[in-house]
Each structure stands twice: as structure tokens, then as C-alpha cells.
């Protein structure tokens, strides 16, 4: 049996660790289908939170340019023409 947390804030259902262990797959299906969140408790104290997974469509910054340079044969050769660091 899942108990509801009472208080002024919207209630988040809580479930004991032993009950969570017995009903884990069912609770995971419910989270996926309805988006409801659960707080898992052990001896009445919160220890974990089961929330729906949301995929991030953002690309990571590191590695985002991988494969963009098609060919560069001699990267250590000097640049053609004049180049000045202090050029305005």
C-alpha cells in the first residue's frame, strides 16, 4: 500500500523500502505512464526518489565539434601571409 505524505505542499506518495522492493516493476511502470513521483523511505526517513526519466535533447559542449574538420594535412606549418596577435 502506498501512503501519501500530508502537509501544505502537494503530496508526494511515499513507499517503504520493503514494499518498493516487492512492487518495484509495477511502480516503475506507473511512473512511466502517469509521471507520478514516489519517495522511498527506510524506517520512515526518505532515502530515494523515483521520478520519470526525461531525455535531454541538448548536445554536450565537449566533443560537439568532433568530425567537423575534414582534412588538414600539416597542422604545424606556419600560416600563409602576415599574422599579428595585436592586429585590430
N, C-alpha and C. Protein backbone atom coordinates (compact mmCIF):
# COMPACT_ATOMS: atom_id res chain seq x y z
N UNK A 1 0.84 -1.18 0.00
CA UNK A 1 0.00 0.00 0.00
C UNK A 1 0.89 1.24 0.00
N UNK A 2 0.59 2.16 -0.88
CA UNK A 2 1.35 3.39 -0.97
C UNK A 2 0.67 4.44 -0.12
N UNK A 3 1.45 5.10 0.73
CA UNK A 3 0.90 6.12 1.62
C UNK A 3 1.17 7.50 1.03
N UNK A 4 0.32 8.44 1.31
CA UNK A 4 0.51 9.81 0.85
C UNK A 4 1.04 10.65 1.99
N UNK A 5 1.95 11.52 1.65
CA UNK A 5 2.55 12.43 2.62
C UNK A 5 1.59 13.62 2.80
N UNK A 6 1.29 13.96 4.04
CA UNK A 6 0.36 15.05 4.30
C UNK A 6 1.11 16.30 4.68
N UNK A 7 0.58 17.44 4.27
CA UNK A 7 1.20 18.71 4.58
C UNK A 7 0.61 19.79 3.70
N UNK A 8 1.19 20.96 3.74
CA UNK A 8 0.68 22.08 2.95
C UNK A 8 1.06 21.96 1.48
N UNK A 9 2.21 21.40 1.21
CA UNK A 9 2.66 21.24 -0.16
C UNK A 9 1.87 20.10 -0.81
N UNK A 10 1.84 20.07 -2.16
CA UNK A 10 1.20 18.93 -2.81
C UNK A 10 1.86 17.64 -2.36
N UNK A 11 1.03 16.65 -2.08
CA UNK A 11 1.56 15.43 -1.50
C UNK A 11 2.29 14.59 -2.55
N UNK A 12 3.38 13.98 -2.13
CA UNK A 12 4.14 13.05 -2.95
C UNK A 12 3.98 11.69 -2.29
N UNK A 13 3.53 10.71 -3.04
CA UNK A 13 3.35 9.39 -2.44
C UNK A 13 4.67 8.84 -1.92
N UNK A 14 4.61 8.21 -0.76
CA UNK A 14 5.79 7.57 -0.19
C UNK A 14 5.56 6.07 -0.14
N UNK A 15 6.64 5.34 -0.21
CA UNK A 15 6.56 3.89 -0.16
C UNK A 15 7.76 3.39 0.63
N UNK A 16 7.52 2.43 1.51
CA UNK A 16 8.61 1.86 2.30
C UNK A 16 9.54 1.02 1.43
N UNK A 17 10.77 0.88 1.87
CA UNK A 17 11.77 0.17 1.08
C UNK A 17 11.37 -1.28 0.81
N UNK A 18 10.82 -1.97 1.80
CA UNK A 18 10.41 -3.36 1.61
C UNK A 18 9.28 -3.46 0.59
N UNK A 19 8.34 -2.56 0.68
CA UNK A 19 7.23 -2.53 -0.27
C UNK A 19 7.73 -2.16 -1.66
N UNK A 20 8.66 -1.20 -1.73
CA UNK A 20 9.23 -0.82 -3.01
C UNK A 20 9.92 -2.02 -3.67
N UNK A 21 10.64 -2.79 -2.87
CA UNK A 21 11.32 -3.97 -3.40
C UNK A 21 10.32 -4.96 -3.99
N UNK A 22 9.20 -5.13 -3.33
CA UNK A 22 8.19 -6.08 -3.79
C UNK A 22 7.43 -5.58 -5.02
N UNK A 23 7.26 -4.26 -5.14
CA UNK A 23 6.45 -3.70 -6.22
C UNK A 23 7.24 -2.82 -7.18
N UNK A 24 8.54 -2.98 -7.22
CA UNK A 24 9.40 -2.09 -7.99
C UNK A 24 8.98 -1.97 -9.45
N UNK A 25 8.80 -3.07 -10.14
CA UNK A 25 8.46 -3.02 -11.57
C UNK A 25 7.11 -2.36 -11.81
N UNK A 26 6.15 -2.65 -10.95
CA UNK A 26 4.83 -2.02 -11.07
C UNK A 26 4.92 -0.51 -10.87
N UNK A 27 5.67 -0.08 -9.85
CA UNK A 27 5.83 1.35 -9.59
C UNK A 27 6.56 2.05 -10.74
N UNK A 28 7.57 1.39 -11.30
CA UNK A 28 8.29 1.98 -12.42
C UNK A 28 7.37 2.15 -13.63
N UNK A 29 6.51 1.17 -13.89
CA UNK A 29 5.54 1.29 -14.98
C UNK A 29 4.59 2.45 -14.74
N UNK A 30 4.14 2.58 -13.50
CA UNK A 30 3.21 3.66 -13.15
C UNK A 30 3.86 5.04 -13.33
N UNK A 31 5.12 5.14 -12.94
CA UNK A 31 5.85 6.40 -13.11
C UNK A 31 5.98 6.74 -14.59
N UNK A 32 6.31 5.75 -15.41
CA UNK A 32 6.46 5.98 -16.84
C UNK A 32 5.14 6.40 -17.48
N UNK A 33 4.04 5.76 -17.09
CA UNK A 33 2.74 6.01 -17.72
C UNK A 33 2.08 7.29 -17.24
N UNK A 34 2.19 7.60 -15.95
CA UNK A 34 1.45 8.74 -15.40
C UNK A 34 2.32 9.92 -15.02
N UNK A 35 3.63 9.71 -14.85
CA UNK A 35 4.52 10.80 -14.45
C UNK A 35 4.53 11.07 -12.96
N UNK A 36 3.86 10.24 -12.18
CA UNK A 36 3.83 10.42 -10.73
C UNK A 36 5.21 10.12 -10.14
N UNK A 37 5.57 10.80 -9.08
CA UNK A 37 6.84 10.58 -8.40
C UNK A 37 6.59 9.86 -7.08
N UNK A 38 7.57 9.09 -6.63
CA UNK A 38 7.48 8.38 -5.35
C UNK A 38 8.74 8.66 -4.54
N UNK A 39 8.56 8.78 -3.23
CA UNK A 39 9.68 8.87 -2.30
C UNK A 39 9.77 7.54 -1.58
N UNK A 40 10.95 6.93 -1.65
CA UNK A 40 11.18 5.65 -1.00
C UNK A 40 11.76 5.93 0.38
N UNK A 41 11.17 5.33 1.40
CA UNK A 41 11.62 5.57 2.78
C UNK A 41 12.17 4.30 3.40
N UNK A 42 13.05 4.49 4.35
CA UNK A 42 13.58 3.38 5.13
C UNK A 42 13.49 3.81 6.59
N UNK A 43 12.74 3.07 7.37
CA UNK A 43 12.47 3.41 8.77
C UNK A 43 11.85 4.81 8.88
N UNK A 44 10.99 5.15 7.92
CA UNK A 44 10.28 6.42 7.95
C UNK A 44 11.05 7.62 7.43
N UNK A 45 12.30 7.42 7.06
CA UNK A 45 13.12 8.53 6.55
C UNK A 45 13.32 8.39 5.04
N UNK A 46 13.17 9.47 4.30
CA UNK A 46 13.36 9.41 2.84
C UNK A 46 14.80 9.04 2.48
N UNK A 47 14.96 8.11 1.54
CA UNK A 47 16.29 7.71 1.10
C UNK A 47 16.45 7.80 -0.42
N UNK A 48 15.35 7.80 -1.16
CA UNK A 48 15.45 7.85 -2.62
C UNK A 48 14.17 8.43 -3.18
N UNK A 49 14.25 8.87 -4.43
CA UNK A 49 13.09 9.42 -5.11
C UNK A 49 13.01 8.80 -6.49
N UNK A 50 11.86 8.24 -6.83
CA UNK A 50 11.63 7.64 -8.14
C UNK A 50 10.87 8.66 -8.97
N UNK A 51 11.51 9.13 -10.03
CA UNK A 51 10.93 10.17 -10.88
C UNK A 51 10.95 9.71 -12.33
N UNK A 52 10.08 10.28 -13.18
CA UNK A 52 10.11 9.91 -14.58
C UNK A 52 11.40 10.39 -15.26
N UNK A 53 11.89 9.62 -16.20
CA UNK A 53 13.08 9.98 -16.95
C UNK A 53 12.70 10.91 -18.08
N UNK A 54 13.45 11.98 -18.23
CA UNK A 54 13.25 12.88 -19.36
C UNK A 54 14.57 12.97 -20.11
N UNK A 55 14.54 12.71 -21.40
CA UNK A 55 15.77 12.76 -22.18
C UNK A 55 16.11 14.21 -22.50
N UNK A 56 17.38 14.47 -22.52
CA UNK A 56 17.86 15.80 -22.83
C UNK A 56 18.19 15.87 -24.31
N UNK A 57 17.61 16.82 -25.02
CA UNK A 57 17.89 16.99 -26.43
C UNK A 57 19.12 17.86 -26.66
N UNK A 58 19.67 18.39 -25.58
CA UNK A 58 20.86 19.23 -25.69
C UNK A 58 22.08 18.38 -25.97
N UNK A 59 22.92 18.86 -26.88
CA UNK A 59 24.17 18.17 -27.16
C UNK A 59 25.21 18.63 -26.16
N UNK A 60 26.09 17.74 -25.73
CA UNK A 60 27.15 18.16 -24.80
C UNK A 60 28.11 19.11 -25.49
N UNK A 61 28.68 20.03 -24.72
CA UNK A 61 29.62 21.01 -25.26
C UNK A 61 30.91 20.33 -25.69
N UNK A 62 31.46 19.49 -24.83
CA UNK A 62 32.71 18.81 -25.15
C UNK A 62 32.44 17.72 -26.17
N UNK A 63 33.18 17.77 -27.25
CA UNK A 63 33.02 16.78 -28.31
C UNK A 63 32.01 17.16 -29.36
N UNK A 64 31.38 18.32 -29.23
CA UNK A 64 30.35 18.71 -30.18
C UNK A 64 30.91 19.05 -31.57
N UNK A 65 32.19 19.36 -31.65
CA UNK A 65 32.81 19.69 -32.93
C UNK A 65 33.54 18.49 -33.54
N UNK A 66 33.44 17.34 -32.92
CA UNK A 66 34.13 16.15 -33.39
C UNK A 66 33.69 15.82 -34.82
N UNK A 67 34.68 15.60 -35.70
CA UNK A 67 34.38 15.24 -37.07
C UNK A 67 34.09 16.40 -38.00
N UNK A 68 34.23 17.64 -37.52
CA UNK A 68 33.91 18.79 -38.37
C UNK A 68 35.08 19.21 -39.25
N UNK A 69 36.32 18.88 -38.88
CA UNK A 69 37.47 19.18 -39.72
C UNK A 69 37.66 17.97 -40.63
N UNK A 70 37.47 18.18 -41.92
CA UNK A 70 37.52 17.07 -42.84
C UNK A 70 38.95 16.65 -43.17
N UNK A 71 39.84 17.64 -43.38
CA UNK A 71 41.20 17.28 -43.74
C UNK A 71 42.12 18.46 -43.44
N UNK A 72 43.22 18.19 -42.77
CA UNK A 72 44.23 19.21 -42.50
C UNK A 72 45.56 18.48 -42.44
N UNK A 73 46.31 18.55 -43.53
CA UNK A 73 47.49 17.71 -43.68
C UNK A 73 48.68 18.12 -42.83
N UNK A 74 48.95 19.41 -42.70
CA UNK A 74 50.16 19.85 -41.99
C UNK A 74 49.79 20.90 -40.95
N UNK A 75 49.31 20.49 -39.79
CA UNK A 75 48.82 21.45 -38.79
C UNK A 75 49.91 22.30 -38.14
N UNK A 76 51.18 21.90 -38.22
CA UNK A 76 52.24 22.65 -37.54
C UNK A 76 53.01 23.59 -38.47
N UNK A 77 52.63 23.63 -39.73
CA UNK A 77 53.28 24.56 -40.65
C UNK A 77 52.82 25.98 -40.34
N UNK A 78 53.68 27.00 -40.64
CA UNK A 78 53.27 28.39 -40.39
C UNK A 78 52.11 28.79 -41.29
N UNK A 79 51.35 29.78 -40.82
CA UNK A 79 50.22 30.29 -41.60
C UNK A 79 50.73 31.07 -42.79
N UNK A 80 49.99 31.04 -43.86
CA UNK A 80 50.34 31.84 -45.04
C UNK A 80 50.07 33.30 -44.75
N UNK A 81 50.95 34.18 -45.19
CA UNK A 81 50.76 35.61 -45.02
C UNK A 81 51.16 36.08 -43.64
N UNK A 82 50.95 37.36 -43.40
CA UNK A 82 51.30 38.00 -42.13
C UNK A 82 50.19 37.74 -41.11
N UNK A 83 50.61 37.52 -39.88
CA UNK A 83 49.62 37.34 -38.81
C UNK A 83 50.17 38.02 -37.58
N UNK A 84 49.39 38.92 -37.01
CA UNK A 84 49.83 39.69 -35.86
C UNK A 84 48.81 39.50 -34.75
N UNK A 85 49.30 39.16 -33.56
CA UNK A 85 48.42 38.97 -32.41
C UNK A 85 47.71 40.27 -32.05
N UNK A 86 48.41 41.38 -32.19
CA UNK A 86 47.85 42.68 -31.80
C UNK A 86 47.11 43.38 -32.94
N UNK A 87 46.79 42.68 -34.01
CA UNK A 87 46.09 43.26 -35.13
C UNK A 87 44.69 43.66 -34.72
N UNK A 88 44.31 44.90 -34.99
CA UNK A 88 42.96 45.37 -34.60
C UNK A 88 41.99 45.16 -35.71
